[in-house]
C-alpha atoms as a PDB file:
ATOM      1  CA  MET A   1       1.478 -41.858 203.100  1.00  0.00           C
ATOM      2  CA  ASP A   2       1.857 -40.024 199.800  1.00  0.00           C
ATOM      3  CA  GLN A   3       5.527 -39.520 198.747  1.00  0.00           C
ATOM      4  CA  SER A   4       4.897 -35.994 197.450  1.00  0.00           C
ATOM      5  CA  PHE A   5       3.349 -35.004 200.792  1.00  0.00           C
ATOM      6  CA  LEU A   6       6.422 -36.285 202.663  1.00  0.00           C
ATOM      7  CA  LYS A   7       8.786 -34.465 200.303  1.00  0.00           C
ATOM      8  CA  ALA A   8       6.836 -31.220 200.759  1.00  0.00           C
ATOM      9  CA  PHE A   9       6.749 -31.685 204.543  1.00  0.00           C
ATOM     10  CA  PHE A  10      10.494 -32.258 204.829  1.00  0.00           C
ATOM     11  CA  ALA A  11      11.270 -29.399 202.448  1.00  0.00           C
ATOM     12  CA  ALA A  12       9.173 -27.028 204.581  1.00  0.00           C
ATOM     13  CA  ALA A  13      10.851 -28.278 207.772  1.00  0.00           C
ATOM     14  CA  ALA A  14      14.304 -27.750 206.253  1.00  0.00           C
ATOM     15  CA  LEU A  15      13.342 -24.249 205.136  1.00  0.00           C
ATOM     16  CA  LEU A  16      12.120 -23.313 208.616  1.00  0.00           C
ATOM     17  CA  ALA A  17      15.257 -24.743 210.230  1.00  0.00           C
ATOM     18  CA  GLY A  18      17.375 -22.805 207.764  1.00  0.00           C
ATOM     19  CA  CYS A  19      15.563 -19.581 208.630  1.00  0.00           C
ATOM     20  CA  ALA A  20      16.199 -20.097 212.346  1.00  0.00           C
ATOM     21  CA  VAL A  21      19.898 -20.708 211.752  1.00  0.00           C
ATOM     22  CA  ALA A  22      20.090 -17.740 209.369  1.00  0.00           C
ATOM     23  CA  ASP A  23      18.552 -15.462 212.035  1.00  0.00           C
ATOM     24  CA  ALA A  24      21.121 -16.640 214.580  1.00  0.00           C
ATOM     25  CA  GLN A  25      24.015 -16.268 212.166  1.00  0.00           C
ATOM     26  CA  SER A  26      22.996 -12.765 211.097  1.00  0.00           C
ATOM     27  CA  LEU A  27      23.799 -11.407 214.548  1.00  0.00           C
ATOM     28  CA  GLU A  28      27.037  -9.544 213.948  1.00  0.00           C
ATOM     29  CA  PRO A  29      29.621  -9.104 215.133  1.00  0.00           C
ATOM     30  CA  SER A  30      30.028 -12.696 216.231  1.00  0.00           C
ATOM     31  CA  PRO A  31      30.708 -13.414 219.882  1.00  0.00           C
ATOM     32  CA  VAL A  32      33.444 -15.836 218.769  1.00  0.00           C
ATOM     33  CA  GLY A  33      36.720 -13.936 218.836  1.00  0.00           C
ATOM     34  CA  ALA A  34      35.423 -11.430 221.398  1.00  0.00           C
ATOM     35  CA  THR A  35      35.887 -10.851 225.104  1.00  0.00           C
ATOM     36  CA  PHE A  36      32.936 -10.222 227.403  1.00  0.00           C
ATOM     37  CA  VAL A  37      32.869  -9.100 231.034  1.00  0.00           C
ATOM     38  CA  ILE A  38      30.404 -10.328 233.657  1.00  0.00           C
ATOM     39  CA  THR A  39      28.475  -7.217 234.659  1.00  0.00           C
ATOM     40  CA  GLY A  40      25.940  -8.621 237.099  1.00  0.00           C
ATOM     41  CA  SER A  41      23.698 -11.458 238.108  1.00  0.00           C
ATOM     42  CA  GLN A  42      20.256 -12.158 239.454  1.00  0.00           C
ATOM     43  CA  LYS A  43      18.362 -15.079 240.888  1.00  0.00           C
ATOM     44  CA  ALA A  44      16.965 -17.236 238.082  1.00  0.00           C
ATOM     45  CA  PRO A  45      13.167 -17.248 237.636  1.00  0.00           C
ATOM     46  CA  TRP A  46      13.021 -20.992 238.335  1.00  0.00           C
ATOM     47  CA  ALA A  47      15.036 -20.833 241.585  1.00  0.00           C
ATOM     48  CA  THR A  48      13.122 -21.559 244.765  1.00  0.00           C
ATOM     49  CA  ASP A  49      13.817 -20.797 248.420  1.00  0.00           C
ATOM     50  CA  SER A  50      17.471 -19.813 248.926  1.00  0.00           C
ATOM     51  CA  PHE A  51      18.669 -21.658 245.817  1.00  0.00           C
ATOM     52  CA  GLY A  52      20.106 -19.006 243.544  1.00  0.00           C
ATOM     53  CA  ASP A  53      20.595 -16.354 246.212  1.00  0.00           C
ATOM     54  CA  GLU A  54      23.686 -14.211 245.811  1.00  0.00           C
ATOM     55  CA  ASN A  55      26.709 -15.796 247.443  1.00  0.00           C
ATOM     56  CA  ALA A  56      30.509 -15.498 247.565  1.00  0.00           C
ATOM     57  CA  ARG A  57      30.879 -17.335 244.239  1.00  0.00           C
ATOM     58  CA  SER A  58      28.420 -15.112 242.386  1.00  0.00           C
ATOM     59  CA  ARG A  59      30.053 -11.985 243.833  1.00  0.00           C
ATOM     60  CA  ALA A  60      33.533 -13.274 242.872  1.00  0.00           C
ATOM     61  CA  LEU A  61      32.463 -13.685 239.214  1.00  0.00           C
ATOM     62  CA  GLN A  62      31.495  -9.998 238.959  1.00  0.00           C
ATOM     63  CA  GLY A  63      33.976  -8.255 236.646  1.00  0.00           C
ATOM     64  CA  LYS A  64      35.607 -11.469 235.380  1.00  0.00           C
ATOM     65  CA  THR A  65      36.108 -11.889 231.648  1.00  0.00           C
ATOM     66  CA  ILE A  66      35.078 -14.583 229.193  1.00  0.00           C
ATOM     67  CA  THR A  67      37.011 -14.753 225.925  1.00  0.00           C
ATOM     68  CA  PHE A  68      35.478 -16.841 223.152  1.00  0.00           C
ATOM     69  CA  ALA A  69      38.665 -17.778 221.262  1.00  0.00           C
ATOM     70  CA  ALA A  70      38.508 -20.042 218.233  1.00  0.00           C
ATOM     71  CA  LYS A  71      39.976 -23.044 220.044  1.00  0.00           C
ATOM     72  CA  ALA A  72      39.196 -22.328 223.707  1.00  0.00           C
ATOM     73  CA  ILE A  73      37.002 -20.339 226.047  1.00  0.00           C
ATOM     74  CA  ASN A  74      39.230 -18.498 228.505  1.00  0.00           C
ATOM     75  CA  ALA A  75      37.224 -17.806 231.646  1.00  0.00           C
ATOM     76  CA  PRO A  76      36.805 -18.808 235.283  1.00  0.00           C
ATOM     77  CA  GLN A  77      35.486 -22.325 235.846  1.00  0.00           C
ATOM     78  CA  PRO A  78      33.029 -23.717 234.838  1.00  0.00           C
ATOM     79  CA  MET A  79      32.774 -21.356 231.836  1.00  0.00           C
ATOM     80  CA  ALA A  80      36.319 -22.197 230.698  1.00  0.00           C
ATOM     81  CA  CYS A  81      36.543 -24.810 227.958  1.00  0.00           C
ATOM     82  CA  ARG A  82      39.528 -26.254 226.128  1.00  0.00           C
ATOM     83  CA  LYS A  83      37.762 -27.419 222.970  1.00  0.00           C
ATOM     84  CA  PRO A  84      34.470 -25.623 222.365  1.00  0.00           C
ATOM     85  CA  ARG A  85      32.217 -26.735 219.522  1.00  0.00           C
ATOM     86  CA  TYR A  86      30.526 -23.440 218.755  1.00  0.00           C
ATOM     87  CA  GLU A  87      27.093 -23.513 217.196  1.00  0.00           C
ATOM     88  CA  ARG A  88      25.074 -20.385 216.587  1.00  0.00           C
ATOM     89  CA  VAL A  89      21.368 -21.143 216.720  1.00  0.00           C
ATOM     90  CA  ALA A  90      18.074 -19.380 217.338  1.00  0.00           C
ATOM     91  CA  VAL A  91      15.981 -20.726 220.198  1.00  0.00           C
ATOM     92  CA  GLU A  92      12.464 -19.937 221.296  1.00  0.00           C
ATOM     93  CA  PRO A  93      11.837 -18.848 224.896  1.00  0.00           C
ATOM     94  CA  ASP A  94      10.986 -22.383 226.004  1.00  0.00           C
ATOM     95  CA  GLY A  95      14.502 -23.449 224.970  1.00  0.00           C
ATOM     96  CA  LEU A  96      16.322 -20.813 227.013  1.00  0.00           C
ATOM     97  CA  PHE A  97      18.490 -22.030 229.877  1.00  0.00           C
ATOM     98  CA  GLN A  98      17.819 -25.684 229.092  1.00  0.00           C
ATOM     99  CA  GLY A  99      14.073 -25.121 229.319  1.00  0.00           C
ATOM    100  CA  GLY A 100      14.240 -23.712 232.838  1.00  0.00           C
ATOM    101  CA  LEU A 101      11.904 -20.733 232.506  1.00  0.00           C
ATOM    102  CA  LYS A 102       8.555 -21.289 234.241  1.00  0.00           C
ATOM    103  CA  ALA A 103       6.590 -18.964 231.929  1.00  0.00           C
ATOM    104  CA  PRO A 104       8.935 -18.888 228.918  1.00  0.00           C
ATOM    105  CA  ALA A 105       7.452 -16.049 226.824  1.00  0.00           C
ATOM    106  CA  ARG A 106       6.768 -13.786 229.807  1.00  0.00           C
ATOM    107  CA  ASP A 107      10.079 -14.557 231.551  1.00  0.00           C
ATOM    108  CA  ALA A 108      12.093 -14.052 228.335  1.00  0.00           C
ATOM    109  CA  ALA A 109      10.462 -10.656 227.755  1.00  0.00           C
ATOM    110  CA  ALA A 110      11.107  -9.644 231.382  1.00  0.00           C
ATOM    111  CA  LEU A 111      14.783 -10.570 230.940  1.00  0.00           C
ATOM    112  CA  GLY A 112      15.009  -8.258 227.933  1.00  0.00           C
ATOM    113  CA  TYR A 113      14.758 -10.618 224.975  1.00  0.00           C
ATOM    114  CA  PRO A 114      13.010  -8.549 222.284  1.00  0.00           C
ATOM    115  CA  SER A 115      12.130 -11.321 219.844  1.00  0.00           C
ATOM    116  CA  PRO A 116      10.339 -14.640 219.892  1.00  0.00           C
ATOM    117  CA  THR A 117      13.579 -16.245 218.647  1.00  0.00           C
ATOM    118  CA  ILE A 118      16.768 -15.674 220.584  1.00  0.00           C
ATOM    119  CA  PRO A 119      20.227 -15.925 218.981  1.00  0.00           C
ATOM    120  CA  SER A 120      22.280 -18.277 221.111  1.00  0.00           C
ATOM    121  CA  LEU A 121      25.850 -19.493 221.225  1.00  0.00           C
ATOM    122  CA  LEU A 122      26.007 -23.162 222.123  1.00  0.00           C
ATOM    123  CA  THR A 123      29.509 -24.152 223.167  1.00  0.00           C
ATOM    124  CA  GLY A 124      29.446 -27.920 223.614  1.00  0.00           C
ATOM    125  CA  CYS A 125      30.810 -27.199 227.099  1.00  0.00           C
ATOM    126  CA  GLU A 126      29.183 -26.519 230.463  1.00  0.00           C
ATOM    127  CA  VAL A 127      27.593 -23.166 229.660  1.00  0.00           C
ATOM    128  CA  ASP A 128      25.617 -21.760 226.718  1.00  0.00           C
ATOM    129  CA  TYR A 129      25.012 -18.063 226.062  1.00  0.00           C
ATOM    130  CA  HIS A 130      21.738 -16.447 224.965  1.00  0.00           C
ATOM    131  CA  LEU A 131      22.249 -13.065 223.307  1.00  0.00           C
ATOM    132  CA  LEU A 132      20.126 -10.032 224.115  1.00  0.00           C
ATOM    133  CA  ASP A 133      21.843  -8.204 221.251  1.00  0.00           C
ATOM    134  CA  ALA A 134      25.272  -8.353 219.568  1.00  0.00           C
ATOM    135  CA  ASP A 135      27.003  -6.979 222.675  1.00  0.00           C
ATOM    136  CA  HIS A 136      25.053  -8.476 225.606  1.00  0.00           C
ATOM    137  CA  ALA A 137      24.062 -11.971 226.682  1.00  0.00           C
ATOM    138  CA  LEU A 138      22.886 -14.038 229.615  1.00  0.00           C
ATOM    139  CA  PHE A 139      24.041 -17.410 230.873  1.00  0.00           C
ATOM    140  CA  ALA A 140      22.791 -19.587 233.726  1.00  0.00           C
ATOM    141  CA  LEU A 141      24.933 -21.000 236.515  1.00  0.00           C
ATOM    142  CA  ASP A 142      23.880 -22.340 239.909  1.00  0.00           C
ATOM    143  CA  ASN A 143      20.308 -21.000 239.702  1.00  0.00           C
ATOM    144  CA  ARG A 144      21.523 -17.501 238.819  1.00  0.00           C
ATOM    145  CA  LEU A 145      21.472 -15.640 235.522  1.00  0.00           C
ATOM    146  CA  TYR A 146      24.638 -13.734 234.713  1.00  0.00           C
ATOM    147  CA  ARG A 147      24.768 -10.753 232.354  1.00  0.00           C
ATOM    148  CA  ILE A 148      27.802 -10.249 230.162  1.00  0.00           C
ATOM    149  CA  ALA A 149      28.797  -7.301 227.965  1.00  0.00           C
ATOM    150  CA  ARG A 150      31.244  -7.214 225.059  1.00  0.00           C
ATOM    151  CA  VAL A 151      34.514  -5.468 225.863  1.00  0.00           C
ATOM    152  CA  LYS A 152      35.007  -2.732 223.260  1.00  0.00           C
ATOM    153  CA  ARG A 153      38.507  -2.546 221.820  1.00  0.00           C
END
């Protein structure tokens, strides 16, 4: 294969990757350093039968806080994490919730994601967070999607 073609290909790929990261990083203020409260939950679009139905655990998480500190995530288990490795990225709908959406574009729009790329906070822990805007996000746990809102100080 021609060397100049490969150089051009990899340069274009790097540029596109850089744009995706830039979109994710432009979402300000950052969730890192902030506290969010769990405001509600719903059965995940991929859940079948009774999997994902509301239960005592999902009700108990309502109103709990998640603080994204620099060196830890302070939250109920399994969202708590002693050594997060934060990475802010932009994902497409088919990458939301570890690829769990059945009809990614349609499901993402129905959940309130306004763009074809979604700013996300990967934690390196159990749970990742997909931002609806700078103050609201969703995360998946036990076939439910939980909504969180930034606590204003």
